[in-house]
Amino acid sequence: MENPVRFDIWTVVRPGAAAEAFADSLLLNRNLPEPEARRQVSRSSREGAFVRLAGGVPWSHVLRVRDAPPAWTGELRCYQEGYSPADPPAGYCPEHDLYFGGCLGCHVCTGFFVR
């Protein structure tokens, strides 16, 4: 049996806000070496590439970030955990502004997610 779905939040760093973004602890991935994190933030600020803001979070966290995003963020996107802007998602739910994989549809609509 599968576990309920968690979510990953991706964002683009506003131009000129790389230092502020890097300093924000939400952006730091414990498994990502500092030089790689700096490179990703810098690239996002310069080129508009997406960086992961938070991973494996419950839906309530997604809603909090959407209500009060960090000042350095540009566009925010929410994906089913394990998917990213680099992956072609199987679907998109406009009601929940959620990209998801698989054939089961939006996990928020179906209720199969970590709240």
N, C-alpha and C. Protein backbone atom coordinates (compact mmCIF):
# COMPACT_ATOMS: atom_id res chain seq x y z
N MET A 1 0.84 -1.18 0.00
CA MET A 1 0.00 0.00 0.00
C MET A 1 0.88 1.25 0.00
N GLU A 2 0.48 2.23 -0.71
CA GLU A 2 1.25 3.47 -0.80
C GLU A 2 0.93 4.39 0.37
N ASN A 3 1.90 5.26 0.68
CA ASN A 3 1.69 6.27 1.70
C ASN A 3 1.01 7.48 1.09
N PRO A 4 0.29 8.26 1.89
CA PRO A 4 -0.29 9.51 1.37
C PRO A 4 0.80 10.42 0.81
N VAL A 5 0.44 11.22 -0.15
CA VAL A 5 1.38 12.06 -0.89
C VAL A 5 1.80 13.28 -0.09
N ARG A 6 3.07 13.61 -0.21
CA ARG A 6 3.64 14.87 0.28
C ARG A 6 4.00 15.71 -0.94
N PHE A 7 4.51 16.90 -0.71
CA PHE A 7 4.70 17.84 -1.81
C PHE A 7 6.07 18.50 -1.77
N ASP A 8 6.52 18.91 -2.94
CA ASP A 8 7.74 19.69 -3.09
C ASP A 8 7.36 21.06 -3.63
N ILE A 9 7.95 22.10 -3.08
CA ILE A 9 7.70 23.47 -3.54
C ILE A 9 8.95 23.95 -4.26
N TRP A 10 8.76 24.46 -5.46
CA TRP A 10 9.85 24.97 -6.28
C TRP A 10 9.60 26.45 -6.53
N THR A 11 10.68 27.20 -6.67
CA THR A 11 10.55 28.64 -6.90
C THR A 11 11.68 29.14 -7.78
N VAL A 12 11.52 30.36 -8.23
CA VAL A 12 12.56 31.07 -8.96
C VAL A 12 13.02 32.21 -8.06
N VAL A 13 14.32 32.39 -7.94
CA VAL A 13 14.88 33.47 -7.13
C VAL A 13 14.80 34.77 -7.94
N ARG A 14 14.22 35.79 -7.33
CA ARG A 14 14.14 37.10 -8.00
C ARG A 14 15.54 37.59 -8.35
N PRO A 15 15.68 38.23 -9.52
CA PRO A 15 16.99 38.80 -9.89
C PRO A 15 17.50 39.73 -8.79
N GLY A 16 18.74 39.58 -8.45
CA GLY A 16 19.36 40.42 -7.43
C GLY A 16 19.11 39.97 -6.00
N ALA A 17 18.38 38.88 -5.80
CA ALA A 17 18.05 38.44 -4.45
C ALA A 17 18.76 37.15 -4.06
N ALA A 18 19.83 36.80 -4.77
CA ALA A 18 20.52 35.53 -4.51
C ALA A 18 21.08 35.44 -3.10
N ALA A 19 21.69 36.50 -2.60
CA ALA A 19 22.27 36.46 -1.26
C ALA A 19 21.19 36.23 -0.21
N GLU A 20 20.09 36.93 -0.35
CA GLU A 20 18.97 36.78 0.58
C GLU A 20 18.40 35.36 0.50
N ALA A 21 18.26 34.83 -0.71
CA ALA A 21 17.72 33.48 -0.89
C ALA A 21 18.64 32.44 -0.27
N PHE A 22 19.92 32.57 -0.49
CA PHE A 22 20.86 31.59 0.04
C PHE A 22 20.84 31.59 1.56
N ALA A 23 20.69 32.75 2.14
CA ALA A 23 20.68 32.86 3.59
C ALA A 23 19.41 32.28 4.22
N ASP A 24 18.36 32.15 3.44
CA ASP A 24 17.09 31.64 3.96
C ASP A 24 17.20 30.14 4.21
N SER A 25 16.98 29.73 5.40
CA SER A 25 17.17 28.32 5.75
C SER A 25 16.17 27.39 5.07
N LEU A 26 15.06 27.91 4.60
CA LEU A 26 14.10 27.05 3.90
C LEU A 26 14.68 26.52 2.60
N LEU A 27 15.57 27.27 2.01
CA LEU A 27 16.12 26.87 0.71
C LEU A 27 17.21 25.82 0.86
N LEU A 28 17.87 25.81 1.97
CA LEU A 28 19.01 24.91 2.14
C LEU A 28 18.55 23.46 2.25
N ASN A 29 19.10 22.65 1.42
CA ASN A 29 18.83 21.22 1.43
C ASN A 29 20.00 20.57 2.17
N ARG A 30 19.72 19.86 3.22
CA ARG A 30 20.80 19.27 4.03
C ARG A 30 21.70 18.34 3.24
N ASN A 31 21.18 17.77 2.18
CA ASN A 31 21.97 16.83 1.37
C ASN A 31 22.74 17.51 0.25
N LEU A 32 22.57 18.81 0.10
CA LEU A 32 23.20 19.54 -0.99
C LEU A 32 24.42 20.29 -0.46
N PRO A 33 25.60 20.04 -1.03
CA PRO A 33 26.79 20.77 -0.59
C PRO A 33 26.63 22.27 -0.81
N GLU A 34 27.22 23.06 0.08
CA GLU A 34 27.08 24.51 0.01
C GLU A 34 27.46 25.09 -1.35
N PRO A 35 28.56 24.68 -1.98
CA PRO A 35 28.89 25.24 -3.30
C PRO A 35 27.80 24.97 -4.35
N GLU A 36 27.20 23.79 -4.29
CA GLU A 36 26.13 23.47 -5.23
C GLU A 36 24.89 24.31 -4.95
N ALA A 37 24.58 24.51 -3.67
CA ALA A 37 23.43 25.36 -3.31
C ALA A 37 23.64 26.78 -3.82
N ARG A 38 24.85 27.30 -3.64
CA ARG A 38 25.15 28.66 -4.13
C ARG A 38 25.02 28.74 -5.65
N ARG A 39 25.50 27.69 -6.34
CA ARG A 39 25.42 27.67 -7.79
C ARG A 39 23.96 27.67 -8.26
N GLN A 40 23.14 26.86 -7.61
CA GLN A 40 21.73 26.78 -8.01
C GLN A 40 21.00 28.09 -7.76
N VAL A 41 21.25 28.71 -6.62
CA VAL A 41 20.60 29.98 -6.31
C VAL A 41 21.04 31.05 -7.29
N SER A 42 22.32 31.12 -7.56
CA SER A 42 22.84 32.11 -8.50
C SER A 42 22.24 31.91 -9.89
N ARG A 43 22.21 30.67 -10.34
CA ARG A 43 21.64 30.37 -11.67
C ARG A 43 20.16 30.74 -11.73
N SER A 44 19.44 30.46 -10.66
CA SER A 44 18.02 30.79 -10.62
C SER A 44 17.82 32.30 -10.72
N SER A 45 18.61 33.05 -9.98
CA SER A 45 18.51 34.51 -10.00
C SER A 45 18.85 35.09 -11.37
N ARG A 46 19.87 34.52 -12.02
CA ARG A 46 20.31 35.01 -13.33
C ARG A 46 19.42 34.54 -14.48
N GLU A 47 19.08 33.25 -14.46
CA GLU A 47 18.44 32.63 -15.63
C GLU A 47 16.98 32.24 -15.42
N GLY A 48 16.48 32.39 -14.23
CA GLY A 48 15.09 32.01 -13.98
C GLY A 48 14.87 30.52 -13.81
N ALA A 49 15.93 29.77 -13.49
CA ALA A 49 15.80 28.33 -13.26
C ALA A 49 15.13 28.10 -11.91
N PHE A 50 14.36 27.02 -11.82
CA PHE A 50 13.69 26.70 -10.57
C PHE A 50 14.65 26.03 -9.59
N VAL A 51 14.49 26.34 -8.30
CA VAL A 51 15.21 25.69 -7.21
C VAL A 51 14.17 25.17 -6.22
N ARG A 52 14.51 24.10 -5.54
CA ARG A 52 13.57 23.55 -4.57
C ARG A 52 13.60 24.38 -3.29
N LEU A 53 12.45 24.87 -2.93
CA LEU A 53 12.30 25.66 -1.71
C LEU A 53 12.05 24.76 -0.51
N ALA A 54 11.24 23.74 -0.70
CA ALA A 54 10.92 22.80 0.38
C ALA A 54 10.57 21.46 -0.24
N GLY A 55 10.94 20.40 0.44
CA GLY A 55 10.67 19.07 -0.09
C GLY A 55 10.03 18.15 0.92
N GLY A 56 9.11 17.32 0.45
CA GLY A 56 8.47 16.34 1.31
C GLY A 56 7.63 16.96 2.41
N VAL A 57 6.93 18.02 2.08
CA VAL A 57 6.15 18.76 3.09
C VAL A 57 4.66 18.43 2.97
N PRO A 58 3.92 18.59 4.07
CA PRO A 58 2.48 18.39 4.02
C PRO A 58 1.78 19.55 3.30
N TRP A 59 0.54 19.34 2.92
CA TRP A 59 -0.23 20.36 2.18
C TRP A 59 -0.37 21.64 3.01
N SER A 60 -0.49 21.52 4.32
CA SER A 60 -0.62 22.72 5.17
C SER A 60 0.61 23.62 5.02
N HIS A 61 1.77 23.03 4.85
CA HIS A 61 3.00 23.82 4.65
C HIS A 61 2.94 24.53 3.30
N VAL A 62 2.48 23.83 2.27
CA VAL A 62 2.33 24.46 0.95
C VAL A 62 1.44 25.70 1.06
N LEU A 63 0.31 25.56 1.75
CA LEU A 63 -0.62 26.68 1.88
C LEU A 63 0.01 27.85 2.64
N ARG A 64 0.79 27.55 3.70
CA ARG A 64 1.45 28.63 4.45
C ARG A 64 2.45 29.37 3.57
N VAL A 65 3.24 28.63 2.79
CA VAL A 65 4.22 29.28 1.91
C VAL A 65 3.51 30.11 0.84
N ARG A 66 2.44 29.60 0.30
CA ARG A 66 1.69 30.36 -0.71
C ARG A 66 1.10 31.64 -0.13
N ASP A 67 0.63 31.57 1.13
CA ASP A 67 0.05 32.75 1.78
C ASP A 67 1.09 33.80 2.12
N ALA A 68 2.30 33.36 2.45
CA ALA A 68 3.36 34.29 2.85
C ALA A 68 4.70 33.81 2.30
N PRO A 69 4.91 33.93 0.99
CA PRO A 69 6.18 33.46 0.40
C PRO A 69 7.34 34.35 0.83
N PRO A 70 8.54 33.77 0.89
CA PRO A 70 9.71 34.59 1.20
C PRO A 70 9.83 35.75 0.19
N ALA A 71 10.32 36.87 0.65
CA ALA A 71 10.40 38.07 -0.20
C ALA A 71 11.28 37.88 -1.43
N TRP A 72 12.20 36.96 -1.39
CA TRP A 72 13.13 36.76 -2.51
C TRP A 72 12.58 35.86 -3.60
N THR A 73 11.40 35.27 -3.37
CA THR A 73 10.86 34.34 -4.36
C THR A 73 10.11 35.05 -5.48
N GLY A 74 10.17 34.41 -6.63
CA GLY A 74 9.36 34.81 -7.77
C GLY A 74 8.23 33.81 -7.90
N GLU A 75 8.13 33.20 -9.06
CA GLU A 75 7.09 32.21 -9.31
C GLU A 75 7.26 31.01 -8.38
N LEU A 76 6.16 30.54 -7.81
CA LEU A 76 6.14 29.34 -6.98
C LEU A 76 5.38 28.25 -7.73
N ARG A 77 5.85 27.03 -7.62
CA ARG A 77 5.15 25.87 -8.18
C ARG A 77 5.15 24.75 -7.16
N CYS A 78 4.04 24.05 -7.08
CA CYS A 78 3.93 22.91 -6.18
C CYS A 78 3.80 21.64 -7.00
N TYR A 79 4.58 20.64 -6.62
CA TYR A 79 4.59 19.34 -7.28
C TYR A 79 4.36 18.23 -6.27
N GLN A 80 3.81 17.14 -6.75
CA GLN A 80 3.79 15.92 -5.96
C GLN A 80 5.24 15.59 -5.64
N GLU A 81 5.50 15.15 -4.42
CA GLU A 81 6.88 14.85 -4.01
C GLU A 81 7.55 13.92 -5.02
N GLY A 82 8.78 14.28 -5.34
CA GLY A 82 9.56 13.47 -6.26
C GLY A 82 9.50 13.96 -7.70
N TYR A 83 8.64 14.91 -7.98
CA TYR A 83 8.55 15.50 -9.32
C TYR A 83 9.09 16.92 -9.26
N SER A 84 9.47 17.45 -10.41
CA SER A 84 10.06 18.79 -10.45
C SER A 84 9.72 19.46 -11.78
N PRO A 85 10.05 20.74 -11.91
CA PRO A 85 9.83 21.43 -13.18
C PRO A 85 10.59 20.78 -14.34
N ALA A 86 11.62 20.00 -14.05
CA ALA A 86 12.39 19.33 -15.10
C ALA A 86 11.67 18.09 -15.64
N ASP A 87 10.70 17.57 -14.88
CA ASP A 87 9.96 16.38 -15.28
C ASP A 87 8.66 16.77 -15.97
N PRO A 88 8.34 16.09 -17.06
CA PRO A 88 7.02 16.35 -17.65
C PRO A 88 5.95 15.71 -16.76
N PRO A 89 5.12 16.50 -16.06
CA PRO A 89 4.12 15.92 -15.17
C PRO A 89 3.00 15.26 -15.97
N ALA A 90 2.40 14.26 -15.35
CA ALA A 90 1.26 13.59 -15.98
C ALA A 90 0.05 14.50 -15.98
N GLY A 91 0.01 15.43 -15.04
CA GLY A 91 -1.16 16.29 -14.98
C GLY A 91 -0.96 17.55 -14.16
N TYR A 92 -1.98 18.38 -14.24
CA TYR A 92 -1.99 19.64 -13.51
C TYR A 92 -3.41 19.88 -13.02
N CYS A 93 -3.56 20.26 -11.77
CA CYS A 93 -4.86 20.60 -11.20
C CYS A 93 -4.94 22.11 -11.02
N PRO A 94 -5.77 22.79 -11.83
CA PRO A 94 -5.86 24.24 -11.69
C PRO A 94 -6.53 24.67 -10.38
N GLU A 95 -7.40 23.82 -9.83
CA GLU A 95 -8.07 24.16 -8.58
C GLU A 95 -7.07 24.27 -7.43
N HIS A 96 -6.08 23.39 -7.41
CA HIS A 96 -5.08 23.39 -6.34
C HIS A 96 -3.71 23.87 -6.79
N ASP A 97 -3.60 24.28 -8.04
CA ASP A 97 -2.34 24.75 -8.61
C ASP A 97 -1.23 23.75 -8.29
N LEU A 98 -1.47 22.49 -8.67
CA LEU A 98 -0.60 21.38 -8.29
C LEU A 98 -0.26 20.55 -9.52
N TYR A 99 1.03 20.29 -9.69
CA TYR A 99 1.50 19.37 -10.73
C TYR A 99 1.67 18.01 -10.09
N PHE A 100 1.23 16.97 -10.78
CA PHE A 100 1.29 15.64 -10.20
C PHE A 100 1.70 14.61 -11.24
N GLY A 101 2.16 13.47 -10.75
CA GLY A 101 2.52 12.37 -11.63
C GLY A 101 1.52 11.24 -11.49
N GLY A 102 1.64 10.27 -12.33
CA GLY A 102 0.76 9.12 -12.26
C GLY A 102 -0.60 9.36 -12.90
N CYS A 103 -1.45 8.36 -12.79
CA CYS A 103 -2.74 8.41 -13.46
C CYS A 103 -3.91 8.59 -12.50
N LEU A 104 -3.63 8.81 -11.23
CA LEU A 104 -4.70 8.91 -10.24
C LEU A 104 -5.29 10.31 -10.10
N GLY A 105 -4.70 11.28 -10.75
CA GLY A 105 -5.20 12.64 -10.66
C GLY A 105 -4.64 13.39 -9.47
N CYS A 106 -5.25 14.52 -9.21
CA CYS A 106 -4.81 15.40 -8.12
C CYS A 106 -5.06 14.72 -6.78
N HIS A 107 -4.01 14.58 -6.00
CA HIS A 107 -4.12 13.90 -4.71
C HIS A 107 -4.85 14.74 -3.68
N VAL A 108 -4.87 16.05 -3.86
CA VAL A 108 -5.63 16.90 -2.94
C VAL A 108 -7.12 16.71 -3.22
N CYS A 109 -7.49 16.66 -4.50
CA CYS A 109 -8.89 16.42 -4.86
C CYS A 109 -9.39 15.07 -4.34
N THR A 110 -8.52 14.05 -4.41
CA THR A 110 -8.92 12.71 -3.98
C THR A 110 -8.80 12.51 -2.48
N GLY A 111 -8.09 13.42 -1.81
CA GLY A 111 -7.94 13.31 -0.36
C GLY A 111 -6.80 12.40 0.08
N PHE A 112 -5.96 11.95 -0.86
CA PHE A 112 -4.87 11.04 -0.52
C PHE A 112 -3.56 11.83 -0.40
N PHE A 113 -3.44 12.59 0.67
CA PHE A 113 -2.27 13.44 0.88
C PHE A 113 -2.07 13.70 2.37
N VAL A 114 -0.85 14.10 2.70
CA VAL A 114 -0.55 14.46 4.10
C VAL A 114 -0.99 15.89 4.31
N ARG A 115 -1.84 16.05 5.26
CA ARG A 115 -2.43 17.38 5.52
C ARG A 115 -1.46 18.25 6.27
